[in-house]
Amino acid sequence: RTAGRQARRTLAEMAPGYERQPVLLLT
């Protein structure tokens, strides 16, 4: 806040455009 910014809280805020990998099922 003192630096004029806002802390990033979500994955979308931290890494815009990031697509999660599909879950790997080993069964």
mmCIF file of all heavy atoms, coordinates in Angstrom:
data_MODEL
# 
_entry.id   MODEL 
# 
loop_
_atom_site.group_PDB 
_atom_site.id 
_atom_site.type_symbol 
_atom_site.label_atom_id 
_atom_site.label_alt_id 
_atom_site.label_comp_id 
_atom_site.label_asym_id 
_atom_site.label_entity_id 
_atom_site.label_seq_id 
_atom_site.pdbx_PDB_ins_code 
_atom_site.Cartn_x 
_atom_site.Cartn_y 
_atom_site.Cartn_z 
_atom_site.occupancy 
_atom_site.B_iso_or_equiv 
_atom_site.pdbx_formal_charge 
_atom_site.auth_seq_id 
_atom_site.auth_comp_id 
_atom_site.auth_asym_id 
_atom_site.auth_atom_id 
_atom_site.pdbx_PDB_model_num 
ATOM 1   N N   . ARG A 1 1  ? 0.825  -1.206  0.000   1.00 0.00 ? 1  ARG A N   1 
ATOM 2   C CA  . ARG A 1 1  ? 0.000  0.000   0.000   1.00 0.00 ? 1  ARG A CA  1 
ATOM 3   C C   . ARG A 1 1  ? 0.865  1.264   0.000   1.00 0.00 ? 1  ARG A C   1 
ATOM 4   O O   . ARG A 1 1  ? 0.576  2.230   -0.707  1.00 0.00 ? 1  ARG A O   1 
ATOM 5   C CB  . ARG A 1 1  ? -0.933 -0.002  1.199   1.00 0.00 ? 1  ARG A CB  1 
ATOM 6   C CG  . ARG A 1 1  ? -2.100 0.943   1.062   1.00 0.00 ? 1  ARG A CG  1 
ATOM 7   C CD  . ARG A 1 1  ? -3.102 0.832   2.204   1.00 0.00 ? 1  ARG A CD  1 
ATOM 8   N NE  . ARG A 1 1  ? -3.553 -0.544  2.438   1.00 0.00 ? 1  ARG A NE  1 
ATOM 9   C CZ  . ARG A 1 1  ? -3.253 -1.252  3.534   1.00 0.00 ? 1  ARG A CZ  1 
ATOM 10  N NH1 . ARG A 1 1  ? -2.530 -0.749  4.494   1.00 0.00 ? 1  ARG A NH1 1 
ATOM 11  N NH2 . ARG A 1 1  ? -3.692 -2.487  3.649   1.00 0.00 ? 1  ARG A NH2 1 
ATOM 12  N N   . THR A 1 2  ? 1.957  1.262   0.789   1.00 0.00 ? 2  THR A N   1 
ATOM 13  C CA  . THR A 1 2  ? 2.828  2.447   0.826   1.00 0.00 ? 2  THR A CA  1 
ATOM 14  C C   . THR A 1 2  ? 3.556  2.634   -0.496  1.00 0.00 ? 2  THR A C   1 
ATOM 15  O O   . THR A 1 2  ? 3.925  3.761   -0.845  1.00 0.00 ? 2  THR A O   1 
ATOM 16  C CB  . THR A 1 2  ? 3.846  2.348   1.973   1.00 0.00 ? 2  THR A CB  1 
ATOM 17  O OG1 . THR A 1 2  ? 4.604  1.152   1.835   1.00 0.00 ? 2  THR A OG1 1 
ATOM 18  C CG2 . THR A 1 2  ? 3.163  2.380   3.311   1.00 0.00 ? 2  THR A CG2 1 
ATOM 19  N N   . ALA A 1 3  ? 3.755  1.558   -1.247  1.00 0.00 ? 3  ALA A N   1 
ATOM 20  C CA  . ALA A 1 3  ? 4.402  1.648   -2.558  1.00 0.00 ? 3  ALA A CA  1 
ATOM 21  C C   . ALA A 1 3  ? 3.392  1.931   -3.664  1.00 0.00 ? 3  ALA A C   1 
ATOM 22  O O   . ALA A 1 3  ? 3.765  2.012   -4.836  1.00 0.00 ? 3  ALA A O   1 
ATOM 23  C CB  . ALA A 1 3  ? 5.154  0.360   -2.865  1.00 0.00 ? 3  ALA A CB  1 
ATOM 24  N N   . GLY A 1 4  ? 2.119  2.093   -3.293  1.00 0.00 ? 4  GLY A N   1 
ATOM 25  C CA  . GLY A 1 4  ? 1.094  2.373   -4.293  1.00 0.00 ? 4  GLY A CA  1 
ATOM 26  C C   . GLY A 1 4  ? 0.654  1.147   -5.067  1.00 0.00 ? 4  GLY A C   1 
ATOM 27  O O   . GLY A 1 4  ? 0.196  1.257   -6.197  1.00 0.00 ? 4  GLY A O   1 
ATOM 28  N N   . ARG A 1 5  ? 0.805  0.001   -4.481  1.00 0.00 ? 5  ARG A N   1 
ATOM 29  C CA  . ARG A 1 5  ? 0.423  -1.245  -5.142  1.00 0.00 ? 5  ARG A CA  1 
ATOM 30  C C   . ARG A 1 5  ? -0.579 -2.004  -4.304  1.00 0.00 ? 5  ARG A C   1 
ATOM 31  O O   . ARG A 1 5  ? -0.894 -1.623  -3.187  1.00 0.00 ? 5  ARG A O   1 
ATOM 32  C CB  . ARG A 1 5  ? 1.656  -2.129  -5.361  1.00 0.00 ? 5  ARG A CB  1 
ATOM 33  C CG  . ARG A 1 5  ? 2.675  -1.474  -6.226  1.00 0.00 ? 5  ARG A CG  1 
ATOM 34  C CD  . ARG A 1 5  ? 3.912  -2.324  -6.309  1.00 0.00 ? 5  ARG A CD  1 
ATOM 35  N NE  . ARG A 1 5  ? 4.476  -2.123  -7.622  1.00 0.00 ? 5  ARG A NE  1 
ATOM 36  C CZ  . ARG A 1 5  ? 5.042  -3.065  -8.329  1.00 0.00 ? 5  ARG A CZ  1 
ATOM 37  N NH1 . ARG A 1 5  ? 5.155  -4.271  -7.860  1.00 0.00 ? 5  ARG A NH1 1 
ATOM 38  N NH2 . ARG A 1 5  ? 5.522  -2.813  -9.523  1.00 0.00 ? 5  ARG A NH2 1 
ATOM 39  N N   . GLN A 1 6  ? -1.045 -3.138  -4.839  1.00 0.00 ? 6  GLN A N   1 
ATOM 40  C CA  . GLN A 1 6  ? -1.962 -4.002  -4.121  1.00 0.00 ? 6  GLN A CA  1 
ATOM 41  C C   . GLN A 1 6  ? -1.420 -5.424  -4.189  1.00 0.00 ? 6  GLN A C   1 
ATOM 42  O O   . GLN A 1 6  ? -0.944 -5.865  -5.236  1.00 0.00 ? 6  GLN A O   1 
ATOM 43  C CB  . GLN A 1 6  ? -3.356 -3.951  -4.747  1.00 0.00 ? 6  GLN A CB  1 
ATOM 44  C CG  . GLN A 1 6  ? -4.369 -4.805  -4.037  1.00 0.00 ? 6  GLN A CG  1 
ATOM 45  C CD  . GLN A 1 6  ? -5.737 -4.711  -4.695  1.00 0.00 ? 6  GLN A CD  1 
ATOM 46  O OE1 . GLN A 1 6  ? -5.939 -3.924  -5.595  1.00 0.00 ? 6  GLN A OE1 1 
ATOM 47  N NE2 . GLN A 1 6  ? -6.652 -5.536  -4.243  1.00 0.00 ? 6  GLN A NE2 1 
ATOM 48  N N   . ALA A 1 7  ? -1.470 -6.121  -3.065  1.00 0.00 ? 7  ALA A N   1 
ATOM 49  C CA  . ALA A 1 7  ? -0.968 -7.494  -3.039  1.00 0.00 ? 7  ALA A CA  1 
ATOM 50  C C   . ALA A 1 7  ? -1.827 -8.386  -3.921  1.00 0.00 ? 7  ALA A C   1 
ATOM 51  O O   . ALA A 1 7  ? -3.043 -8.274  -3.932  1.00 0.00 ? 7  ALA A O   1 
ATOM 52  C CB  . ALA A 1 7  ? -0.967 -8.015  -1.605  1.00 0.00 ? 7  ALA A CB  1 
ATOM 53  N N   . ARG A 1 8  ? -1.172 -9.277  -4.670  1.00 0.00 ? 8  ARG A N   1 
ATOM 54  C CA  . ARG A 1 8  ? -1.895 -10.219 -5.527  1.00 0.00 ? 8  ARG A CA  1 
ATOM 55  C C   . ARG A 1 8  ? -2.343 -11.398 -4.698  1.00 0.00 ? 8  ARG A C   1 
ATOM 56  O O   . ARG A 1 8  ? -1.575 -11.953 -3.917  1.00 0.00 ? 8  ARG A O   1 
ATOM 57  C CB  . ARG A 1 8  ? -0.987 -10.665 -6.659  1.00 0.00 ? 8  ARG A CB  1 
ATOM 58  C CG  . ARG A 1 8  ? -0.571 -9.515  -7.542  1.00 0.00 ? 8  ARG A CG  1 
ATOM 59  C CD  . ARG A 1 8  ? 0.436  -9.964  -8.556  1.00 0.00 ? 8  ARG A CD  1 
ATOM 60  N NE  . ARG A 1 8  ? 0.834  -8.831  -9.376  1.00 0.00 ? 8  ARG A NE  1 
ATOM 61  C CZ  . ARG A 1 8  ? 1.872  -8.853  -10.191 1.00 0.00 ? 8  ARG A CZ  1 
ATOM 62  N NH1 . ARG A 1 8  ? 2.607  -9.940  -10.290 1.00 0.00 ? 8  ARG A NH1 1 
ATOM 63  N NH2 . ARG A 1 8  ? 2.174  -7.803  -10.911 1.00 0.00 ? 8  ARG A NH2 1 
ATOM 64  N N   . ARG A 1 9  ? -3.592 -11.797 -4.865  1.00 0.00 ? 9  ARG A N   1 
ATOM 65  C CA  . ARG A 1 9  ? -4.153 -12.853 -4.027  1.00 0.00 ? 9  ARG A CA  1 
ATOM 66  C C   . ARG A 1 9  ? -4.522 -14.120 -4.806  1.00 0.00 ? 9  ARG A C   1 
ATOM 67  O O   . ARG A 1 9  ? -4.499 -15.195 -4.264  1.00 0.00 ? 9  ARG A O   1 
ATOM 68  C CB  . ARG A 1 9  ? -5.419 -12.349 -3.333  1.00 0.00 ? 9  ARG A CB  1 
ATOM 69  C CG  . ARG A 1 9  ? -5.181 -11.225 -2.397  1.00 0.00 ? 9  ARG A CG  1 
ATOM 70  C CD  . ARG A 1 9  ? -4.719 -11.764 -1.071  1.00 0.00 ? 9  ARG A CD  1 
ATOM 71  N NE  . ARG A 1 9  ? -4.615 -10.675 -0.120  1.00 0.00 ? 9  ARG A NE  1 
ATOM 72  C CZ  . ARG A 1 9  ? -3.519 -10.404 0.548   1.00 0.00 ? 9  ARG A CZ  1 
ATOM 73  N NH1 . ARG A 1 9  ? -2.456 -11.130 0.388   1.00 0.00 ? 9  ARG A NH1 1 
ATOM 74  N NH2 . ARG A 1 9  ? -3.486 -9.395  1.384   1.00 0.00 ? 9  ARG A NH2 1 
ATOM 75  N N   . THR A 1 10 ? -4.881 -14.006 -6.045  1.00 0.00 ? 10 THR A N   1 
ATOM 76  C CA  . THR A 1 10 ? -5.343 -15.172 -6.794  1.00 0.00 ? 10 THR A CA  1 
ATOM 77  C C   . THR A 1 10 ? -4.322 -15.564 -7.855  1.00 0.00 ? 10 THR A C   1 
ATOM 78  O O   . THR A 1 10 ? -3.447 -14.778 -8.224  1.00 0.00 ? 10 THR A O   1 
ATOM 79  C CB  . THR A 1 10 ? -6.690 -14.885 -7.488  1.00 0.00 ? 10 THR A CB  1 
ATOM 80  O OG1 . THR A 1 10 ? -6.496 -13.850 -8.455  1.00 0.00 ? 10 THR A OG1 1 
ATOM 81  C CG2 . THR A 1 10 ? -7.739 -14.454 -6.482  1.00 0.00 ? 10 THR A CG2 1 
ATOM 82  N N   . LEU A 1 11 ? -4.446 -16.783 -8.367  1.00 0.00 ? 11 LEU A N   1 
ATOM 83  C CA  . LEU A 1 11 ? -3.552 -17.248 -9.419  1.00 0.00 ? 11 LEU A CA  1 
ATOM 84  C C   . LEU A 1 11 ? -3.699 -16.390 -10.669 1.00 0.00 ? 11 LEU A C   1 
ATOM 85  O O   . LEU A 1 11 ? -2.710 -16.087 -11.338 1.00 0.00 ? 11 LEU A O   1 
ATOM 86  C CB  . LEU A 1 11 ? -3.846 -18.721 -9.740  1.00 0.00 ? 11 LEU A CB  1 
ATOM 87  C CG  . LEU A 1 11 ? -3.010 -19.355 -10.840 1.00 0.00 ? 11 LEU A CG  1 
ATOM 88  C CD1 . LEU A 1 11 ? -1.534 -19.344 -10.482 1.00 0.00 ? 11 LEU A CD1 1 
ATOM 89  C CD2 . LEU A 1 11 ? -3.481 -20.765 -11.114 1.00 0.00 ? 11 LEU A CD2 1 
ATOM 90  N N   . ALA A 1 12 ? -4.914 -15.962 -10.977 1.00 0.00 ? 12 ALA A N   1 
ATOM 91  C CA  . ALA A 1 12 ? -5.138 -15.117 -12.156 1.00 0.00 ? 12 ALA A CA  1 
ATOM 92  C C   . ALA A 1 12 ? -4.424 -13.771 -12.017 1.00 0.00 ? 12 ALA A C   1 
ATOM 93  O O   . ALA A 1 12 ? -3.933 -13.219 -13.000 1.00 0.00 ? 12 ALA A O   1 
ATOM 94  C CB  . ALA A 1 12 ? -6.633 -14.895 -12.366 1.00 0.00 ? 12 ALA A CB  1 
ATOM 95  N N   . GLU A 1 13 ? -4.340 -13.238 -10.807 1.00 0.00 ? 13 GLU A N   1 
ATOM 96  C CA  . GLU A 1 13 ? -3.628 -11.972 -10.590 1.00 0.00 ? 13 GLU A CA  1 
ATOM 97  C C   . GLU A 1 13 ? -2.116 -12.180 -10.623 1.00 0.00 ? 13 GLU A C   1 
ATOM 98  O O   . GLU A 1 13 ? -1.377 -11.327 -11.111 1.00 0.00 ? 13 GLU A O   1 
ATOM 99  C CB  . GLU A 1 13 ? -4.024 -11.374 -9.240  1.00 0.00 ? 13 GLU A CB  1 
ATOM 100 C CG  . GLU A 1 13 ? -5.447 -10.866 -9.172  1.00 0.00 ? 13 GLU A CG  1 
ATOM 101 C CD  . GLU A 1 13 ? -5.820 -10.403 -7.782  1.00 0.00 ? 13 GLU A CD  1 
ATOM 102 O OE1 . GLU A 1 13 ? -5.110 -10.759 -6.815  1.00 0.00 ? 13 GLU A OE1 1 
ATOM 103 O OE2 . GLU A 1 13 ? -6.826 -9.693  -7.654  1.00 0.00 ? 13 GLU A OE2 1 
ATOM 104 N N   . MET A 1 14 ? -1.654 -13.319 -10.106 1.00 0.00 ? 14 MET A N   1 
ATOM 105 C CA  . MET A 1 14 ? -0.215 -13.566 -10.035 1.00 0.00 ? 14 MET A CA  1 
ATOM 106 C C   . MET A 1 14 ? 0.371  -13.975 -11.383 1.00 0.00 ? 14 MET A C   1 
ATOM 107 O O   . MET A 1 14 ? 1.494  -13.623 -11.701 1.00 0.00 ? 14 MET A O   1 
ATOM 108 C CB  . MET A 1 14 ? 0.072  -14.653 -8.996  1.00 0.00 ? 14 MET A CB  1 
ATOM 109 C CG  . MET A 1 14 ? -0.141 -14.196 -7.583  1.00 0.00 ? 14 MET A CG  1 
ATOM 110 S SD  . MET A 1 14 ? 0.372  -15.450 -6.413  1.00 0.00 ? 14 MET A SD  1 
ATOM 111 C CE  . MET A 1 14 ? -1.202 -16.145 -5.981  1.00 0.00 ? 14 MET A CE  1 
ATOM 112 N N   . ALA A 1 15 ? -0.375 -14.735 -12.164 1.00 0.00 ? 15 ALA A N   1 
ATOM 113 C CA  . ALA A 1 15 ? 0.123  -15.227 -13.448 1.00 0.00 ? 15 ALA A CA  1 
ATOM 114 C C   . ALA A 1 15 ? -0.983 -15.115 -14.489 1.00 0.00 ? 15 ALA A C   1 
ATOM 115 O O   . ALA A 1 15 ? -1.643 -16.106 -14.811 1.00 0.00 ? 15 ALA A O   1 
ATOM 116 C CB  . ALA A 1 15 ? 0.596  -16.659 -13.313 1.00 0.00 ? 15 ALA A CB  1 
ATOM 117 N N   . PRO A 1 16 ? -1.199 -13.916 -15.032 1.00 0.00 ? 16 PRO A N   1 
ATOM 118 C CA  . PRO A 1 16 ? -2.265 -13.765 -16.034 1.00 0.00 ? 16 PRO A CA  1 
ATOM 119 C C   . PRO A 1 16 ? -1.981 -14.632 -17.263 1.00 0.00 ? 16 PRO A C   1 
ATOM 120 O O   . PRO A 1 16 ? -0.857 -14.732 -17.730 1.00 0.00 ? 16 PRO A O   1 
ATOM 121 C CB  . PRO A 1 16 ? -2.200 -12.278 -16.400 1.00 0.00 ? 16 PRO A CB  1 
ATOM 122 C CG  . PRO A 1 16 ? -1.404 -11.620 -15.338 1.00 0.00 ? 16 PRO A CG  1 
ATOM 123 C CD  . PRO A 1 16 ? -0.526 -12.663 -14.746 1.00 0.00 ? 16 PRO A CD  1 
ATOM 124 N N   . GLY A 1 17 ? -3.016 -15.292 -17.774 1.00 0.00 ? 17 GLY A N   1 
ATOM 125 C CA  . GLY A 1 17 ? -2.882 -16.126 -18.962 1.00 0.00 ? 17 GLY A CA  1 
ATOM 126 C C   . GLY A 1 17 ? -2.389 -17.530 -18.691 1.00 0.00 ? 17 GLY A C   1 
ATOM 127 O O   . GLY A 1 17 ? -2.278 -18.333 -19.614 1.00 0.00 ? 17 GLY A O   1 
ATOM 128 N N   . TYR A 1 18 ? -2.091 -17.858 -17.446 1.00 0.00 ? 18 TYR A N   1 
ATOM 129 C CA  . TYR A 1 18 ? -1.599 -19.200 -17.116 1.00 0.00 ? 18 TYR A CA  1 
ATOM 130 C C   . TYR A 1 18 ? -2.748 -20.195 -17.221 1.00 0.00 ? 18 TYR A C   1 
ATOM 131 O O   . TYR A 1 18 ? -3.826 -19.965 -16.710 1.00 0.00 ? 18 TYR A O   1 
ATOM 132 C CB  . TYR A 1 18 ? -1.029 -19.217 -15.693 1.00 0.00 ? 18 TYR A CB  1 
ATOM 133 C CG  . TYR A 1 18 ? -0.568 -20.582 -15.242 1.00 0.00 ? 18 TYR A CG  1 
ATOM 134 C CD1 . TYR A 1 18 ? 0.660  -21.077 -15.644 1.00 0.00 ? 18 TYR A CD1 1 
ATOM 135 C CD2 . TYR A 1 18 ? -1.362 -21.363 -14.416 1.00 0.00 ? 18 TYR A CD2 1 
ATOM 136 C CE1 . TYR A 1 18 ? 1.089  -22.332 -15.231 1.00 0.00 ? 18 TYR A CE1 1 
ATOM 137 C CE2 . TYR A 1 18 ? -0.943 -22.618 -14.004 1.00 0.00 ? 18 TYR A CE2 1 
ATOM 138 C CZ  . TYR A 1 18 ? 0.283  -23.093 -14.413 1.00 0.00 ? 18 TYR A CZ  1 
ATOM 139 O OH  . TYR A 1 18 ? 0.699  -24.325 -14.002 1.00 0.00 ? 18 TYR A OH  1 
ATOM 140 N N   . GLU A 1 19 ? -2.501 -21.300 -17.910 1.00 0.00 ? 19 GLU A N   1 
ATOM 141 C CA  . GLU A 1 19 ? -3.501 -22.355 -18.028 1.00 0.00 ? 19 GLU A CA  1 
ATOM 142 C C   . GLU A 1 19 ? -3.035 -23.549 -17.220 1.00 0.00 ? 19 GLU A C   1 
ATOM 143 O O   . GLU A 1 19 ? -1.923 -24.043 -17.410 1.00 0.00 ? 19 GLU A O   1 
ATOM 144 C CB  . GLU A 1 19 ? -3.700 -22.755 -19.488 1.00 0.00 ? 19 GLU A CB  1 
ATOM 145 C CG  . GLU A 1 19 ? -4.337 -21.665 -20.325 1.00 0.00 ? 19 GLU A CG  1 
ATOM 146 C CD  . GLU A 1 19 ? -4.603 -22.126 -21.744 1.00 0.00 ? 19 GLU A CD  1 
ATOM 147 O OE1 . GLU A 1 19 ? -4.778 -23.357 -21.954 1.00 0.00 ? 19 GLU A OE1 1 
ATOM 148 O OE2 . GLU A 1 19 ? -4.638 -21.278 -22.635 1.00 0.00 ? 19 GLU A OE2 1 
ATOM 149 N N   . ARG A 1 20 ? -3.882 -24.025 -16.336 1.00 0.00 ? 20 ARG A N   1 
ATOM 150 C CA  . ARG A 1 20 ? -3.528 -25.164 -15.504 1.00 0.00 ? 20 ARG A CA  1 
ATOM 151 C C   . ARG A 1 20 ? -3.463 -26.430 -16.337 1.00 0.00 ? 20 ARG A C   1 
ATOM 152 O O   . ARG A 1 20 ? -4.212 -26.616 -17.275 1.00 0.00 ? 20 ARG A O   1 
ATOM 153 C CB  . ARG A 1 20 ? -4.550 -25.350 -14.393 1.00 0.00 ? 20 ARG A CB  1 
ATOM 154 C CG  . ARG A 1 20 ? -4.495 -24.235 -13.385 1.00 0.00 ? 20 ARG A CG  1 
ATOM 155 C CD  . ARG A 1 20 ? -5.424 -24.528 -12.246 1.00 0.00 ? 20 ARG A CD  1 
ATOM 156 N NE  . ARG A 1 20 ? -5.359 -23.440 -11.291 1.00 0.00 ? 20 ARG A NE  1 
ATOM 157 C CZ  . ARG A 1 20 ? -5.744 -23.558 -10.039 1.00 0.00 ? 20 ARG A CZ  1 
ATOM 158 N NH1 . ARG A 1 20 ? -6.241 -24.687 -9.603  1.00 0.00 ? 20 ARG A NH1 1 
ATOM 159 N NH2 . ARG A 1 20 ? -5.657 -22.542 -9.225  1.00 0.00 ? 20 ARG A NH2 1 
ATOM 160 N N   . GLN A 1 21 ? -2.543 -27.307 -15.961 1.00 0.00 ? 21 GLN A N   1 
ATOM 161 C CA  . GLN A 1 21 ? -2.387 -28.578 -16.651 1.00 0.00 ? 21 GLN A CA  1 
ATOM 162 C C   . GLN A 1 21 ? -3.512 -29.521 -16.237 1.00 0.00 ? 21 GLN A C   1 
ATOM 163 O O   . GLN A 1 21 ? -3.993 -29.466 -15.108 1.00 0.00 ? 21 GLN A O   1 
ATOM 164 C CB  . GLN A 1 21 ? -1.040 -29.213 -16.304 1.00 0.00 ? 21 GLN A CB  1 
ATOM 165 C CG  . GLN A 1 21 ? 0.134  -28.380 -16.751 1.00 0.00 ? 21 GLN A CG  1 
ATOM 166 C CD  . GLN A 1 21 ? 0.210  -28.292 -18.254 1.00 0.00 ? 21 GLN A CD  1 
ATOM 167 O OE1 . GLN A 1 21 ? -0.002 -29.272 -18.953 1.00 0.00 ? 21 GLN A OE1 1 
ATOM 168 N NE2 . GLN A 1 21 ? 0.487  -27.105 -18.766 1.00 0.00 ? 21 GLN A NE2 1 
ATOM 169 N N   . PRO A 1 22 ? -3.944 -30.409 -17.129 1.00 0.00 ? 22 PRO A N   1 
ATOM 170 C CA  . PRO A 1 22 ? -4.983 -31.373 -16.745 1.00 0.00 ? 22 PRO A CA  1 
ATOM 171 C C   . PRO A 1 22 ? -4.453 -32.344 -15.694 1.00 0.00 ? 22 PRO A C   1 
ATOM 172 O O   . PRO A 1 22 ? -3.245 -32.570 -15.586 1.00 0.00 ? 22 PRO A O   1 
ATOM 173 C CB  . PRO A 1 22 ? -5.311 -32.093 -18.049 1.00 0.00 ? 22 PRO A CB  1 
ATOM 174 C CG  . PRO A 1 22 ? -4.148 -31.849 -18.929 1.00 0.00 ? 22 PRO A CG  1 
ATOM 175 C CD  . PRO A 1 22 ? -3.532 -30.552 -18.509 1.00 0.00 ? 22 PRO A CD  1 
ATOM 176 N N   . VAL A 1 23 ? -5.345 -32.908 -14.950 1.00 0.00 ? 23 VAL A N   1 
ATOM 177 C CA  . VAL A 1 23 ? -4.974 -33.851 -13.901 1.00 0.00 ? 23 VAL A CA  1 
ATOM 178 C C   . VAL A 1 23 ? -4.552 -35.164 -14.544 1.00 0.00 ? 23 VAL A C   1 
ATOM 179 O O   . VAL A 1 23 ? -5.220 -35.692 -15.428 1.00 0.00 ? 23 VAL A O   1 
ATOM 180 C CB  . VAL A 1 23 ? -6.166 -34.080 -12.946 1.00 0.00 ? 23 VAL A CB  1 
ATOM 181 C CG1 . VAL A 1 23 ? -5.829 -35.132 -11.905 1.00 0.00 ? 23 VAL A CG1 1 
ATOM 182 C CG2 . VAL A 1 23 ? -6.565 -32.783 -12.286 1.00 0.00 ? 23 VAL A CG2 1 
ATOM 183 N N   . LEU A 1 24 ? -3.420 -35.697 -14.092 1.00 0.00 ? 24 LEU A N   1 
ATOM 184 C CA  . LEU A 1 24 ? -2.910 -36.958 -14.605 1.00 0.00 ? 24 LEU A CA  1 
ATOM 185 C C   . LEU A 1 24 ? -3.445 -38.086 -13.737 1.00 0.00 ? 24 LEU A C   1 
ATOM 186 O O   . LEU A 1 24 ? -3.220 -38.121 -12.527 1.00 0.00 ? 24 LEU A O   1 
ATOM 187 C CB  . LEU A 1 24 ? -1.383 -36.969 -14.580 1.00 0.00 ? 24 LEU A CB  1 
ATOM 188 C CG  . LEU A 1 24 ? -0.693 -38.257 -15.001 1.00 0.00 ? 24 LEU A CG  1 
ATOM 189 C CD1 . LEU A 1 24 ? -1.015 -38.567 -16.461 1.00 0.00 ? 24 LEU A CD1 1 
ATOM 190 C CD2 . LEU A 1 24 ? 0.790  -38.155 -14.782 1.00 0.00 ? 24 LEU A CD2 1 
ATOM 191 N N   . LEU A 1 25 ? -4.168 -39.006 -14.334 1.00 0.00 ? 25 LEU A N   1 
ATOM 192 C CA  . LEU A 1 25 ? -4.705 -40.150 -13.617 1.00 0.00 ? 25 LEU A CA  1 
ATOM 193 C C   . LEU A 1 25 ? -3.838 -41.366 -13.908 1.00 0.00 ? 25 LEU A C   1 
ATOM 194 O O   . LEU A 1 25 ? -3.637 -41.729 -15.064 1.00 0.00 ? 25 LEU A O   1 
ATOM 195 C CB  . LEU A 1 25 ? -6.149 -40.426 -14.033 1.00 0.00 ? 25 LEU A CB  1 
ATOM 196 C CG  . LEU A 1 25 ? -7.141 -39.300 -13.779 1.00 0.00 ? 25 LEU A CG  1 
ATOM 197 C CD1 . LEU A 1 25 ? -8.515 -39.672 -14.324 1.00 0.00 ? 25 LEU A CD1 1 
ATOM 198 C CD2 . LEU A 1 25 ? -7.225 -39.001 -12.294 1.00 0.00 ? 25 LEU A CD2 1 
ATOM 199 N N   . LEU A 1 26 ? -3.320 -41.987 -12.864 1.00 0.00 ? 26 LEU A N   1 
ATOM 200 C CA  . LEU A 1 26 ? -2.436 -43.132 -13.039 1.00 0.00 ? 26 LEU A CA  1 
ATOM 201 C C   . LEU A 1 26 ? -3.139 -44.450 -12.750 1.00 0.00 ? 26 LEU A C   1 
ATOM 202 O O   . LEU A 1 26 ? -2.516 -45.425 -12.380 1.00 0.00 ? 26 LEU A O   1 
ATOM 203 C CB  . LEU A 1 26 ? -1.219 -42.979 -12.129 1.00 0.00 ? 26 LEU A CB  1 
ATOM 204 C CG  . LEU A 1 26 ? -0.342 -41.775 -12.436 1.00 0.00 ? 26 LEU A CG  1 
ATOM 205 C CD1 . LEU A 1 26 ? 0.775  -41.670 -11.411 1.00 0.00 ? 26 LEU A CD1 1 
ATOM 206 C CD2 . LEU A 1 26 ? 0.234  -41.868 -13.832 1.00 0.00 ? 26 LEU A CD2 1 
ATOM 207 N N   . THR A 1 27 ? -4.442 -44.473 -12.931 1.00 0.00 ? 27 THR A N   1 
ATOM 208 C CA  . THR A 1 27 ? -5.193 -45.704 -12.726 1.00 0.00 ? 27 THR A CA  1 
ATOM 209 C C   . THR A 1 27 ? -5.829 -46.127 -14.049 1.00 0.00 ? 27 THR A C   1 
ATOM 210 O O   . THR A 1 27 ? -6.101 -45.309 -14.917 1.00 0.00 ? 27 THR A O   1 
ATOM 211 C CB  . THR A 1 27 ? -6.300 -45.507 -11.679 1.00 0.00 ? 27 THR A CB  1 
ATOM 212 O OG1 . THR A 1 27 ? -7.164 -44.465 -12.110 1.00 0.00 ? 27 THR A OG1 1 
ATOM 213 C CG2 . THR A 1 27 ? -5.698 -45.162 -10.328 1.00 0.00 ? 27 THR A CG2 1 
# 
